[in-house]
Amino acid sequence: MTDPVTSLSAAALPARQAPNPRDAKTARDFEAVFVGQMTKLMMESVQQGDFSGGHAEEMFRGVLAEKMGEAITDRGGLGLAPAVLDQIIRMQGGSSNGR
């Protein structure tokens, strides 16, 4: 399976070198945190009803949201990582090969 962040960014930036793997990971990690936070907000907005895990469920709901964000991003995500990677490259002055 090809990495969608690296392949999309390389296609979107034909005049530049391939993105630094560390920058690509940073972009994926950013997307995972963002998706995790969205998931957490969605989970908080759902009415629990009569059956719930009580205090223990409340404690681990954030961890569940974080792991769901990572899983969603690992499976292609929402498409934020390529845009974030492009911004990282622009902030580095257009250079995508280290510092």
C-alpha atoms as a PDB file:
ATOM      1  CA  MET A   1       0.000   0.000   0.000  1.00  0.00           C
ATOM      2  CA  THR A   2       1.395   3.412  -0.937  1.00  0.00           C
ATOM      3  CA  ASP A   3       1.517   6.288   1.487  1.00  0.00           C
ATOM      4  CA  PRO A   4      -1.219   8.738   0.402  1.00  0.00           C
ATOM      5  CA  VAL A   5       0.540  11.728   1.975  1.00  0.00           C
ATOM      6  CA  THR A   6       3.835  11.203   0.182  1.00  0.00           C
ATOM      7  CA  SER A   7       2.293  10.200  -3.141  1.00  0.00           C
ATOM      8  CA  LEU A   8      -0.247  13.044  -3.219  1.00  0.00           C
ATOM      9  CA  SER A   9       2.272  15.649  -2.155  1.00  0.00           C
ATOM     10  CA  ALA A  10       4.844  14.466  -4.673  1.00  0.00           C
ATOM     11  CA  ALA A  11       2.208  14.709  -7.411  1.00  0.00           C
ATOM     12  CA  ALA A  12       1.044  18.124  -6.228  1.00  0.00           C
ATOM     13  CA  LEU A  13       4.606  19.480  -6.130  1.00  0.00           C
ATOM     14  CA  PRO A  14       6.275  18.193  -9.309  1.00  0.00           C
ATOM     15  CA  ALA A  15       9.038  20.835  -9.355  1.00  0.00           C
ATOM     16  CA  ARG A  16      10.180  20.002  -5.819  1.00  0.00           C
ATOM     17  CA  GLN A  17      11.966  17.039  -4.358  1.00  0.00           C
ATOM     18  CA  ALA A  18      10.077  14.282  -2.553  1.00  0.00           C
ATOM     19  CA  PRO A  19       8.924  15.389   0.907  1.00  0.00           C
ATOM     20  CA  ASN A  20      11.059  14.643   3.933  1.00  0.00           C
ATOM     21  CA  PRO A  21       9.643  11.503   5.648  1.00  0.00           C
ATOM     22  CA  ARG A  22       9.788  13.282   9.010  1.00  0.00           C
ATOM     23  CA  ASP A  23       7.645  16.127   7.646  1.00  0.00           C
ATOM     24  CA  ALA A  24       5.183  13.631   6.149  1.00  0.00           C
ATOM     25  CA  LYS A  25       4.901  11.906   9.551  1.00  0.00           C
ATOM     26  CA  THR A  26       4.347  15.274  11.245  1.00  0.00           C
ATOM     27  CA  ALA A  27       1.519  16.036   8.799  1.00  0.00           C
ATOM     28  CA  ARG A  28      -0.081  12.617   9.429  1.00  0.00           C
ATOM     29  CA  ASP A  29       0.274  13.063  13.203  1.00  0.00           C
ATOM     30  CA  PHE A  30      -1.370  16.492  12.995  1.00  0.00           C
ATOM     31  CA  GLU A  31      -4.301  15.018  11.072  1.00  0.00           C
ATOM     32  CA  ALA A  32      -4.624  12.168  13.601  1.00  0.00           C
ATOM     33  CA  VAL A  33      -4.813  14.648  16.505  1.00  0.00           C
ATOM     34  CA  PHE A  34      -7.321  16.809  14.640  1.00  0.00           C
ATOM     35  CA  VAL A  35      -9.546  13.835  13.768  1.00  0.00           C
ATOM     36  CA  GLY A  36      -9.243  12.562  17.347  1.00  0.00           C
ATOM     37  CA  GLN A  37     -10.412  15.917  18.713  1.00  0.00           C
ATOM     38  CA  MET A  38     -13.354  15.945  16.284  1.00  0.00           C
ATOM     39  CA  THR A  39     -14.246  12.404  17.346  1.00  0.00           C
ATOM     40  CA  LYS A  40     -14.072  13.391  21.013  1.00  0.00           C
ATOM     41  CA  LEU A  41     -16.436  16.319  20.427  1.00  0.00           C
ATOM     42  CA  MET A  42     -18.853  14.085  18.550  1.00  0.00           C
ATOM     43  CA  MET A  43     -18.774  11.486  21.325  1.00  0.00           C
ATOM     44  CA  GLU A  44     -19.479  14.187  23.934  1.00  0.00           C
ATOM     45  CA  SER A  45     -22.528  15.373  21.996  1.00  0.00           C
ATOM     46  CA  VAL A  46     -24.208  11.935  22.018  1.00  0.00           C
ATOM     47  CA  GLN A  47     -26.751  11.271  24.726  1.00  0.00           C
ATOM     48  CA  GLN A  48     -25.648   8.302  26.871  1.00  0.00           C
ATOM     49  CA  GLY A  49     -29.035   6.917  27.833  1.00  0.00           C
ATOM     50  CA  ASP A  50     -29.603   4.451  30.699  1.00  0.00           C
ATOM     51  CA  PHE A  51     -26.648   2.175  29.979  1.00  0.00           C
ATOM     52  CA  SER A  52     -23.138   3.572  30.325  1.00  0.00           C
ATOM     53  CA  GLY A  53     -19.774   2.592  31.710  1.00  0.00           C
ATOM     54  CA  GLY A  54     -19.937   5.250  34.384  1.00  0.00           C
ATOM     55  CA  HIS A  55     -16.786   6.984  35.595  1.00  0.00           C
ATOM     56  CA  ALA A  56     -14.434   4.495  33.917  1.00  0.00           C
ATOM     57  CA  GLU A  57     -15.998   5.129  30.533  1.00  0.00           C
ATOM     58  CA  GLU A  58     -15.686   8.869  31.016  1.00  0.00           C
ATOM     59  CA  MET A  59     -11.986   8.474  31.871  1.00  0.00           C
ATOM     60  CA  PHE A  60     -11.154   6.443  28.769  1.00  0.00           C
ATOM     61  CA  ARG A  61     -13.394   8.236  26.282  1.00  0.00           C
ATOM     62  CA  GLY A  62     -10.539  10.595  25.385  1.00  0.00           C
ATOM     63  CA  VAL A  63      -8.164   7.687  24.783  1.00  0.00           C
ATOM     64  CA  LEU A  64     -10.776   6.002  22.577  1.00  0.00           C
ATOM     65  CA  ALA A  65     -11.216   9.204  20.557  1.00  0.00           C
ATOM     66  CA  GLU A  66      -7.438   9.532  20.157  1.00  0.00           C
ATOM     67  CA  LYS A  67      -7.080   5.940  18.941  1.00  0.00           C
ATOM     68  CA  MET A  68     -10.029   6.362  16.580  1.00  0.00           C
ATOM     69  CA  GLY A  69      -8.344   9.462  15.135  1.00  0.00           C
ATOM     70  CA  GLU A  70      -5.151   7.485  14.550  1.00  0.00           C
ATOM     71  CA  ALA A  71      -7.071   4.599  12.950  1.00  0.00           C
ATOM     72  CA  ILE A  72      -9.026   6.920  10.644  1.00  0.00           C
ATOM     73  CA  THR A  73      -5.830   8.677   9.573  1.00  0.00           C
ATOM     74  CA  ASP A  74      -4.009   5.371   9.032  1.00  0.00           C
ATOM     75  CA  ARG A  75      -6.779   4.355   6.629  1.00  0.00           C
ATOM     76  CA  GLY A  76      -6.572   7.480   4.495  1.00  0.00           C
ATOM     77  CA  GLY A  77      -7.955  10.115   6.825  1.00  0.00           C
ATOM     78  CA  LEU A  78      -9.856  13.181   5.720  1.00  0.00           C
ATOM     79  CA  GLY A  79      -7.232  14.463   3.310  1.00  0.00           C
ATOM     80  CA  LEU A  80      -5.772  17.067   5.640  1.00  0.00           C
ATOM     81  CA  ALA A  81      -2.251  15.640   5.814  1.00  0.00           C
ATOM     82  CA  PRO A  82      -1.271  16.516   2.204  1.00  0.00           C
ATOM     83  CA  ALA A  83      -2.378  20.131   2.704  1.00  0.00           C
ATOM     84  CA  VAL A  84      -0.525  20.332   6.027  1.00  0.00           C
ATOM     85  CA  LEU A  85       2.591  18.842   4.419  1.00  0.00           C
ATOM     86  CA  ASP A  86       2.427  21.427   1.623  1.00  0.00           C
ATOM     87  CA  GLN A  87       2.275  24.191   4.241  1.00  0.00           C
ATOM     88  CA  ILE A  88       5.237  22.698   6.133  1.00  0.00           C
ATOM     89  CA  ILE A  89       7.245  22.702   2.912  1.00  0.00           C
ATOM     90  CA  ARG A  90       6.232  26.303   2.136  1.00  0.00           C
ATOM     91  CA  MET A  91       7.202  27.407   5.651  1.00  0.00           C
ATOM     92  CA  GLN A  92      10.628  25.862   5.097  1.00  0.00           C
ATOM     93  CA  GLY A  93      11.094  28.064   2.069  1.00  0.00           C
ATOM     94  CA  GLY A  94      10.101  25.434  -0.468  1.00  0.00           C
ATOM     95  CA  SER A  95      12.772  22.957   0.611  1.00  0.00           C
ATOM     96  CA  SER A  96      11.481  19.505   1.478  1.00  0.00           C
ATOM     97  CA  ASN A  97      14.815  17.815   2.207  1.00  0.00           C
ATOM     98  CA  GLY A  98      15.725  18.302   5.846  1.00  0.00           C
ATOM     99  CA  ARG A  99      16.994  21.432   7.550  1.00  0.00           C
END
